[in-house]
Amino acid sequence: MSLTLKSVLTAGLLLLGFQAAAQDIPQAFQGKWAGHYEGKVSPKHIRALCAMGYDENAAMDNVDVSEDSGFYIEIGKKSIELNGWEWGAKYTKLNYRIYSPDKIAGTARVREEEPEQGTQIYNDNFEFSLNRGVLTQRFRDFSTDGSGKKVWRTRTLMRCK
């Protein structure tokens, strides 16, 4: 293969990668969503979480973090912001490997903030899907068995109106 052909192919592939990264997040995903850190939620609980909002929910000191605290995701045109109990992360520079009206997945630049660990910046995978108005996020997290291994978890959220 000639050097010129290789250069043209490389430039074309780079351009395609840039275009995929520059795409807006599909409109159906955009907006404010609420749920729990992990697991499913009821429409009644979502209405309460949305009415309360993240700032008030995070200020509650007497809630059981595993069951009662809210988890919020705000999806814009180019970024995804996650906020949970004393934790937040913002996904930017999204590169899609799946891009459809009901599913997006790929890699992103993550800026994570935690009180004990400060700010961390790293690349990570993301995966979101929509089904009948419910947003599902698959994510990797540390196992609760103390092994330090990462396992797949799922959270479901509903749109705040």
Protein backbone atom coordinates (compact mmCIF):
# COMPACT_ATOMS: atom_id res chain seq x y z
CA MET A 1 0.00 0.00 0.00
CA SER A 2 1.42 3.36 -0.96
CA LEU A 3 2.28 6.03 1.59
CA THR A 4 -0.26 8.42 0.02
CA LEU A 5 -3.09 5.89 0.30
CA LYS A 6 -2.16 5.15 3.93
CA SER A 7 -2.17 8.88 4.70
CA VAL A 8 -5.59 9.36 3.11
CA LEU A 9 -7.06 6.37 4.97
CA THR A 10 -5.58 7.52 8.29
CA ALA A 11 -6.92 11.06 7.81
CA GLY A 12 -10.35 9.65 6.91
CA LEU A 13 -10.47 7.44 10.00
CA LEU A 14 -9.40 10.33 12.22
CA LEU A 15 -12.10 12.53 10.70
CA LEU A 16 -14.75 9.86 11.28
CA GLY A 17 -13.63 9.51 14.90
CA PHE A 18 -13.80 13.28 15.37
CA GLN A 19 -17.30 13.44 13.87
CA ALA A 20 -18.54 10.67 16.18
CA ALA A 21 -17.12 12.48 19.19
CA ALA A 22 -18.63 15.79 18.10
CA GLN A 23 -22.21 14.48 17.82
CA ASP A 24 -24.78 15.83 20.25
CA ILE A 25 -26.35 13.40 22.68
CA PRO A 26 -29.74 12.36 21.20
CA GLN A 27 -32.57 14.68 22.27
CA ALA A 28 -34.55 11.85 23.91
CA PHE A 29 -31.79 11.45 26.52
CA GLN A 30 -31.42 15.15 27.32
CA GLY A 31 -32.93 16.49 30.54
CA LYS A 32 -32.95 15.88 34.28
CA TRP A 33 -33.39 12.35 35.62
CA ALA A 34 -33.74 11.00 39.18
CA GLY A 35 -33.47 7.60 40.83
CA HIS A 36 -31.35 5.70 43.36
CA TYR A 37 -27.64 4.95 43.24
CA GLU A 38 -28.53 1.42 42.20
CA GLY A 39 -31.70 -0.48 41.44
CA LYS A 40 -35.24 0.44 40.45
CA VAL A 41 -37.57 3.16 41.68
CA SER A 42 -41.29 3.87 41.67
CA PRO A 43 -42.92 6.85 39.90
CA LYS A 44 -44.11 8.12 43.31
CA HIS A 45 -40.56 8.13 44.68
CA ILE A 46 -39.28 9.86 41.53
CA ARG A 47 -41.83 12.67 41.92
CA ALA A 48 -40.63 13.19 45.51
CA LEU A 49 -36.94 13.16 44.50
CA CYS A 50 -37.54 15.57 41.61
CA ALA A 51 -39.54 17.93 43.83
CA MET A 52 -36.80 17.84 46.45
CA GLY A 53 -33.91 18.34 44.03
CA TYR A 54 -30.30 17.34 44.47
CA ASP A 55 -29.18 20.17 46.78
CA GLU A 56 -31.86 19.54 49.40
CA ASN A 57 -31.50 15.76 49.14
CA ALA A 58 -27.72 15.93 49.63
CA ALA A 59 -28.16 18.09 52.73
CA MET A 60 -30.23 15.44 54.51
CA ASP A 61 -28.02 13.86 57.18
CA ASN A 62 -30.41 11.23 58.50
CA VAL A 63 -31.20 9.23 55.38
CA ASP A 64 -30.12 5.68 54.70
CA VAL A 65 -27.77 6.23 51.77
CA SER A 66 -28.40 2.80 50.29
CA GLU A 67 -32.18 3.19 50.08
CA ASP A 68 -33.46 6.73 50.53
CA SER A 69 -30.98 9.13 49.02
CA GLY A 70 -31.54 10.33 45.51
CA PHE A 71 -29.27 10.01 42.54
CA TYR A 72 -29.53 12.60 39.80
CA ILE A 73 -28.32 12.71 36.21
CA GLU A 74 -28.49 15.78 34.00
CA ILE A 75 -27.87 15.11 30.33
CA GLY A 76 -27.08 18.02 28.03
CA LYS A 77 -26.13 18.21 24.37
CA LYS A 78 -22.44 17.40 24.94
CA SER A 79 -22.09 16.22 28.55
CA ILE A 80 -23.57 14.02 31.26
CA GLU A 81 -23.48 15.10 34.90
CA LEU A 82 -24.08 12.62 37.73
CA ASN A 83 -24.73 13.61 41.35
CA GLY A 84 -25.13 11.24 44.27
CA TRP A 85 -24.56 11.23 48.00
CA GLU A 86 -21.36 13.31 48.52
CA TRP A 87 -20.22 12.41 45.02
CA GLY A 88 -20.38 13.88 41.56
CA ALA A 89 -18.96 13.28 38.11
CA LYS A 90 -19.13 14.98 34.75
CA TYR A 91 -18.68 13.04 31.50
CA THR A 92 -17.37 15.11 28.56
CA LYS A 93 -15.59 14.42 25.26
CA LEU A 94 -17.91 11.52 24.49
CA ASN A 95 -16.75 9.03 21.85
CA TYR A 96 -19.57 6.73 20.79
CA ARG A 97 -19.32 3.08 19.83
CA ILE A 98 -23.15 2.84 19.89
CA TYR A 99 -25.23 5.86 18.86
CA SER A 100 -28.96 5.40 18.31
CA PRO A 101 -32.18 7.12 19.43
CA ASP A 102 -32.57 4.66 22.33
CA LYS A 103 -29.00 3.69 23.25
CA ILE A 104 -25.65 5.43 23.58
CA ALA A 105 -22.42 3.83 24.70
CA GLY A 106 -18.73 4.55 24.42
CA THR A 107 -15.93 6.26 26.30
CA ALA A 108 -15.70 9.69 27.88
CA ARG A 109 -13.44 11.96 29.88
CA VAL A 110 -14.64 11.89 33.51
CA ARG A 111 -14.07 14.50 36.17
CA GLU A 112 -15.08 12.92 39.49
CA GLU A 113 -15.28 14.75 42.79
CA GLU A 114 -15.43 13.05 46.19
CA PRO A 115 -14.81 14.65 49.60
CA GLU A 116 -12.28 12.02 50.74
CA GLN A 117 -10.41 11.64 47.46
CA GLY A 118 -10.69 15.09 45.92
CA THR A 119 -10.89 15.52 42.16
CA GLN A 120 -9.90 12.71 39.83
CA ILE A 121 -9.80 12.91 36.02
CA TYR A 122 -9.76 9.75 33.93
CA ASN A 123 -11.29 8.05 30.88
CA ASP A 124 -14.14 5.61 31.43
CA ASN A 125 -16.88 3.73 29.60
CA PHE A 126 -20.50 4.85 29.63
CA GLU A 127 -23.74 3.13 28.61
CA PHE A 128 -27.28 4.51 28.71
CA SER A 129 -30.47 3.14 27.19
CA LEU A 130 -34.09 4.29 27.04
CA ASN A 131 -37.15 2.07 27.22
CA ARG A 132 -40.67 3.48 27.67
CA GLY A 133 -39.46 6.65 29.35
CA VAL A 134 -37.09 4.89 31.76
CA LEU A 135 -33.37 5.65 31.56
CA THR A 136 -31.09 2.73 32.42
CA GLN A 137 -27.40 3.17 33.10
CA ARG A 138 -24.98 0.24 33.20
CA PHE A 139 -21.79 1.06 35.07
CA ARG A 140 -18.76 -0.57 36.64
CA ASP A 141 -18.31 -0.19 40.38
CA PHE A 142 -16.36 -1.86 43.14
CA SER A 143 -17.87 -5.03 44.60
CA THR A 144 -19.41 -4.78 48.06
CA ASP A 145 -17.72 -8.03 49.17
CA GLY A 146 -14.45 -6.23 49.95
CA SER A 147 -12.54 -7.98 47.16
CA GLY A 148 -11.75 -4.73 45.34
CA LYS A 149 -13.01 -6.23 42.08
CA LYS A 150 -15.19 -4.19 39.76
CA VAL A 151 -18.62 -5.55 38.86
CA TRP A 152 -21.40 -4.42 36.52
CA ARG A 153 -24.29 -2.59 38.18
CA THR A 154 -27.50 -1.08 36.83
CA ARG A 155 -29.47 1.96 37.88
CA THR A 156 -32.82 3.07 36.53
CA LEU A 157 -34.00 6.65 36.53
CA MET A 158 -37.09 8.53 35.43
CA ARG A 159 -37.31 11.99 33.94
CA CYS A 160 -38.06 14.93 36.23
CA LYS A 161 -40.92 17.00 34.80
